[in-house]
Amino acid sequence: MLESQRLLSSIFMCGEQEVKNITETFAITYVVDLRAEATSGVIQSSNIEWIHFPLLDGVPNQADVLKEAISFVSQAHKKGKTTVLH
C-alpha cells in the first residue's frame, strides 16, 4: 500500500521514501521537491523532471517560494501533467 495522498487526479503528495513507488505506479511527469537540503532528485529518470522549490524548516517569510511551487503545480495540472510533491 502506498503511503501517499492523491490530492487531485494528477497531483500526489508523499514523503521522500515513497517517491520511487509513486513514480513506478503512476505516469509522473514532475517530481516537485520542497526540501531545502536537496541537491538532486530522488528519482533519476529521463522521463521525470525534478523541480526544486526549497522551503526551510522553521523559517518565516517563505510565501514567495511556496507561491512559485503552487503556481508550477497548478500549471502542470492544467496541462494534464502528473506531479508528485515531497
N, C-alpha and C. Protein backbone atom coordinates (compact mmCIF):
# COMPACT_ATOMS: atom_id res chain seq x y z
N MET A 1 0.84 -1.18 0.00
CA MET A 1 0.00 0.00 0.00
C MET A 1 0.88 1.24 0.00
N LEU A 2 0.56 2.19 -0.84
CA LEU A 2 1.33 3.42 -0.94
C LEU A 2 1.03 4.34 0.24
N GLU A 3 2.06 4.98 0.76
CA GLU A 3 1.92 5.96 1.83
C GLU A 3 1.96 7.35 1.19
N SER A 4 0.86 7.69 0.54
CA SER A 4 0.78 8.96 -0.16
C SER A 4 -0.66 9.44 -0.18
N GLN A 5 -0.83 10.65 -0.64
CA GLN A 5 -2.16 11.22 -0.80
C GLN A 5 -2.32 11.68 -2.24
N ARG A 6 -3.44 11.32 -2.84
CA ARG A 6 -3.76 11.83 -4.17
C ARG A 6 -4.64 13.04 -3.94
N LEU A 7 -4.10 14.23 -4.21
CA LEU A 7 -4.81 15.47 -3.93
C LEU A 7 -5.84 15.79 -5.01
N LEU A 8 -5.46 15.58 -6.24
CA LEU A 8 -6.34 15.73 -7.41
C LEU A 8 -5.97 14.59 -8.35
N SER A 9 -6.65 14.51 -9.46
CA SER A 9 -6.39 13.39 -10.38
C SER A 9 -4.94 13.30 -10.83
N SER A 10 -4.23 14.42 -10.86
CA SER A 10 -2.85 14.40 -11.36
C SER A 10 -1.84 14.98 -10.37
N ILE A 11 -2.22 15.08 -9.09
CA ILE A 11 -1.32 15.64 -8.09
C ILE A 11 -1.27 14.71 -6.88
N PHE A 12 -0.05 14.27 -6.55
CA PHE A 12 0.17 13.40 -5.40
C PHE A 12 1.08 14.12 -4.40
N MET A 13 0.99 13.72 -3.13
CA MET A 13 1.89 14.22 -2.11
C MET A 13 2.37 13.04 -1.28
N CYS A 14 3.67 13.00 -1.01
CA CYS A 14 4.22 11.90 -0.22
C CYS A 14 5.55 12.33 0.38
N GLY A 15 6.10 11.45 1.21
CA GLY A 15 7.44 11.66 1.75
C GLY A 15 8.48 11.17 0.78
N GLU A 16 9.72 11.51 1.04
CA GLU A 16 10.83 11.15 0.16
C GLU A 16 10.90 9.64 -0.10
N GLN A 17 10.66 8.83 0.93
CA GLN A 17 10.79 7.39 0.79
C GLN A 17 9.76 6.79 -0.16
N GLU A 18 8.67 7.47 -0.40
CA GLU A 18 7.58 6.93 -1.22
C GLU A 18 7.64 7.38 -2.68
N VAL A 19 8.51 8.32 -3.01
CA VAL A 19 8.58 8.86 -4.37
C VAL A 19 8.80 7.76 -5.40
N LYS A 20 9.73 6.86 -5.13
CA LYS A 20 10.03 5.78 -6.08
C LYS A 20 8.79 4.93 -6.36
N ASN A 21 8.05 4.56 -5.32
CA ASN A 21 6.83 3.75 -5.51
C ASN A 21 5.81 4.48 -6.36
N ILE A 22 5.62 5.75 -6.12
CA ILE A 22 4.63 6.51 -6.89
C ILE A 22 5.05 6.62 -8.35
N THR A 23 6.34 6.91 -8.59
CA THR A 23 6.78 7.06 -9.98
C THR A 23 6.76 5.74 -10.72
N GLU A 24 6.84 4.62 -10.01
CA GLU A 24 6.75 3.31 -10.66
C GLU A 24 5.30 2.89 -10.88
N THR A 25 4.38 3.47 -10.12
CA THR A 25 2.98 3.09 -10.21
C THR A 25 2.17 3.99 -11.14
N PHE A 26 2.53 5.26 -11.18
CA PHE A 26 1.78 6.25 -11.97
C PHE A 26 2.71 6.91 -12.98
N ALA A 27 2.14 7.44 -14.04
CA ALA A 27 2.91 8.14 -15.07
C ALA A 27 3.19 9.57 -14.60
N ILE A 28 4.25 9.74 -13.84
CA ILE A 28 4.60 11.03 -13.27
C ILE A 28 5.46 11.82 -14.25
N THR A 29 5.14 13.09 -14.43
CA THR A 29 5.92 13.97 -15.29
C THR A 29 6.94 14.76 -14.48
N TYR A 30 6.50 15.27 -13.31
CA TYR A 30 7.34 16.12 -12.48
C TYR A 30 7.39 15.60 -11.04
N VAL A 31 8.57 15.65 -10.45
CA VAL A 31 8.72 15.47 -9.01
C VAL A 31 9.11 16.84 -8.46
N VAL A 32 8.23 17.42 -7.67
CA VAL A 32 8.46 18.74 -7.08
C VAL A 32 8.98 18.52 -5.67
N ASP A 33 10.22 18.90 -5.46
CA ASP A 33 10.92 18.68 -4.20
C ASP A 33 10.91 19.98 -3.40
N LEU A 34 10.32 19.95 -2.22
CA LEU A 34 10.23 21.14 -1.37
C LEU A 34 11.30 21.15 -0.28
N ARG A 35 12.16 20.16 -0.26
CA ARG A 35 13.20 20.07 0.78
C ARG A 35 14.34 21.05 0.47
N ALA A 36 14.65 21.90 1.43
CA ALA A 36 15.73 22.87 1.23
C ALA A 36 17.08 22.20 1.07
N GLU A 37 17.29 21.07 1.76
CA GLU A 37 18.59 20.41 1.74
C GLU A 37 18.85 19.60 0.48
N ALA A 38 17.85 19.43 -0.36
CA ALA A 38 18.01 18.60 -1.57
C ALA A 38 18.95 19.26 -2.58
N THR A 39 19.83 18.47 -3.15
CA THR A 39 20.73 18.96 -4.19
C THR A 39 20.52 18.23 -5.52
N SER A 40 19.73 17.15 -5.46
CA SER A 40 19.38 16.42 -6.68
C SER A 40 18.10 15.64 -6.41
N GLY A 41 17.50 15.16 -7.48
CA GLY A 41 16.25 14.44 -7.37
C GLY A 41 16.40 13.06 -6.76
N VAL A 42 15.34 12.58 -6.15
CA VAL A 42 15.31 11.24 -5.57
C VAL A 42 15.28 10.20 -6.68
N ILE A 43 14.63 10.50 -7.78
CA ILE A 43 14.49 9.60 -8.92
C ILE A 43 15.32 10.15 -10.07
N GLN A 44 16.15 9.30 -10.63
CA GLN A 44 16.96 9.67 -11.80
C GLN A 44 16.33 8.99 -13.01
N SER A 45 15.56 9.76 -13.78
CA SER A 45 14.88 9.22 -14.95
C SER A 45 14.78 10.29 -16.01
N SER A 46 15.00 9.91 -17.25
CA SER A 46 14.89 10.88 -18.34
C SER A 46 13.43 11.25 -18.61
N ASN A 47 12.49 10.46 -18.07
CA ASN A 47 11.06 10.72 -18.28
C ASN A 47 10.44 11.59 -17.20
N ILE A 48 11.18 11.83 -16.12
CA ILE A 48 10.64 12.58 -14.99
C ILE A 48 11.55 13.77 -14.73
N GLU A 49 10.96 14.96 -14.65
CA GLU A 49 11.74 16.17 -14.40
C GLU A 49 11.68 16.53 -12.92
N TRP A 50 12.84 16.77 -12.32
CA TRP A 50 12.95 17.17 -10.92
C TRP A 50 12.90 18.69 -10.86
N ILE A 51 11.97 19.21 -10.06
CA ILE A 51 11.82 20.65 -9.87
C ILE A 51 12.03 20.93 -8.39
N HIS A 52 12.85 21.92 -8.07
CA HIS A 52 13.21 22.20 -6.68
C HIS A 52 12.72 23.57 -6.25
N PHE A 53 11.89 23.59 -5.22
CA PHE A 53 11.43 24.81 -4.57
C PHE A 53 11.80 24.66 -3.09
N PRO A 54 12.98 25.12 -2.69
CA PRO A 54 13.47 24.86 -1.34
C PRO A 54 12.72 25.65 -0.26
N LEU A 55 12.14 24.93 0.67
CA LEU A 55 11.49 25.53 1.84
C LEU A 55 12.28 25.13 3.08
N LEU A 56 12.69 26.11 3.85
CA LEU A 56 13.48 25.87 5.06
C LEU A 56 12.56 25.66 6.25
N ASP A 57 12.80 24.61 7.02
CA ASP A 57 12.00 24.33 8.21
C ASP A 57 12.15 25.45 9.23
N GLY A 58 11.02 25.92 9.75
CA GLY A 58 11.01 26.89 10.83
C GLY A 58 11.42 28.30 10.46
N VAL A 59 11.55 28.59 9.19
CA VAL A 59 11.94 29.93 8.75
C VAL A 59 10.71 30.67 8.24
N PRO A 60 10.45 31.86 8.78
CA PRO A 60 9.27 32.62 8.31
C PRO A 60 9.53 33.27 6.94
N ASN A 61 8.48 33.82 6.39
CA ASN A 61 8.55 34.62 5.16
C ASN A 61 9.02 33.84 3.94
N GLN A 62 8.46 32.64 3.74
CA GLN A 62 8.79 31.86 2.56
C GLN A 62 7.61 31.78 1.59
N ALA A 63 6.69 32.70 1.74
CA ALA A 63 5.47 32.69 0.94
C ALA A 63 5.76 32.74 -0.56
N ASP A 64 6.78 33.50 -0.96
CA ASP A 64 7.08 33.62 -2.39
C ASP A 64 7.49 32.28 -3.01
N VAL A 65 8.31 31.54 -2.30
CA VAL A 65 8.74 30.22 -2.80
C VAL A 65 7.54 29.28 -2.85
N LEU A 66 6.72 29.31 -1.83
CA LEU A 66 5.53 28.45 -1.80
C LEU A 66 4.57 28.82 -2.93
N LYS A 67 4.40 30.10 -3.19
CA LYS A 67 3.54 30.54 -4.30
C LYS A 67 4.08 30.06 -5.65
N GLU A 68 5.40 30.09 -5.81
CA GLU A 68 6.02 29.59 -7.04
C GLU A 68 5.73 28.10 -7.22
N ALA A 69 5.86 27.34 -6.15
CA ALA A 69 5.61 25.90 -6.22
C ALA A 69 4.15 25.63 -6.56
N ILE A 70 3.24 26.34 -5.91
CA ILE A 70 1.81 26.17 -6.17
C ILE A 70 1.48 26.53 -7.60
N SER A 71 2.04 27.61 -8.09
CA SER A 71 1.80 28.04 -9.47
C SER A 71 2.31 26.99 -10.46
N PHE A 72 3.50 26.46 -10.21
CA PHE A 72 4.06 25.44 -11.09
C PHE A 72 3.16 24.21 -11.15
N VAL A 73 2.76 23.71 -9.98
CA VAL A 73 1.92 22.52 -9.92
C VAL A 73 0.56 22.78 -10.57
N SER A 74 0.01 23.96 -10.35
CA SER A 74 -1.27 24.33 -10.94
C SER A 74 -1.18 24.34 -12.47
N GLN A 75 -0.13 24.93 -13.00
CA GLN A 75 0.06 24.97 -14.46
C GLN A 75 0.26 23.57 -15.03
N ALA A 76 1.02 22.74 -14.34
CA ALA A 76 1.24 21.36 -14.79
C ALA A 76 -0.10 20.62 -14.82
N HIS A 77 -0.91 20.80 -13.79
CA HIS A 77 -2.23 20.15 -13.71
C HIS A 77 -3.11 20.59 -14.88
N LYS A 78 -3.11 21.88 -15.17
CA LYS A 78 -3.92 22.41 -16.29
C LYS A 78 -3.47 21.84 -17.63
N LYS A 79 -2.18 21.49 -17.75
CA LYS A 79 -1.64 20.91 -18.98
C LYS A 79 -1.79 19.40 -19.03
N GLY A 80 -2.39 18.83 -17.97
CA GLY A 80 -2.61 17.39 -17.95
C GLY A 80 -1.38 16.59 -17.51
N LYS A 81 -0.41 17.24 -16.92
CA LYS A 81 0.81 16.57 -16.45
C LYS A 81 0.58 16.08 -15.02
N THR A 82 1.21 14.98 -14.67
CA THR A 82 1.07 14.41 -13.33
C THR A 82 2.28 14.76 -12.50
N THR A 83 2.02 15.22 -11.29
CA THR A 83 3.06 15.75 -10.41
C THR A 83 3.00 15.07 -9.05
N VAL A 84 4.18 14.83 -8.48
CA VAL A 84 4.24 14.37 -7.09
C VAL A 84 5.06 15.40 -6.31
N LEU A 85 4.51 15.83 -5.18
CA LEU A 85 5.18 16.77 -4.29
C LEU A 85 5.76 16.00 -3.11
N HIS A 86 6.95 16.38 -2.73
CA HIS A 86 7.51 15.81 -1.49
C HIS A 86 8.50 16.77 -0.89
